[in-house]
Amino acid sequence: MSETAQILLGFIFLIGCFVLTRYIVTWQIKRATGLIIRDLEKQEAFDPLTAVDLPYTKQNPLRMGMRNYYAKSMEYMVNEGVVGKTGSGKYYLRVRRTEEHRPELQES
């Protein structure tokens, strides 16, 4: 194989790895978003009075190098208005999912 073809093949492989990692990170953030919403629904945190403290949204200095997708997902949902945050750092669900948007109900 010529040197040009090897460089081109290596470049294509590098781009493929980059795209694959983006898909994996997106999938993990989506998964964390669903788990957070399900947790808030289970604890019935639908307004500031029933807001709950979520331990996995806090930064942990001992988890260096490990990604915390829950914190990133929570930051996104607070910015988009899906989840509300009280002054004391507790969270509640501002937008409730309808019956057709619940994946666990569609499977059965």
Foldseek 3Di string as FASTA:
>chain_A
DDPVVVVVVVVVVVVVVVVVVVVVLVVVLVVLLVVVLVVQVVQVQADPVSFAADVLLDDDPVPPPDDSSNVVSVVVCCVVVQWDADPVGTIHGHDDDDPVPDPVNVVD
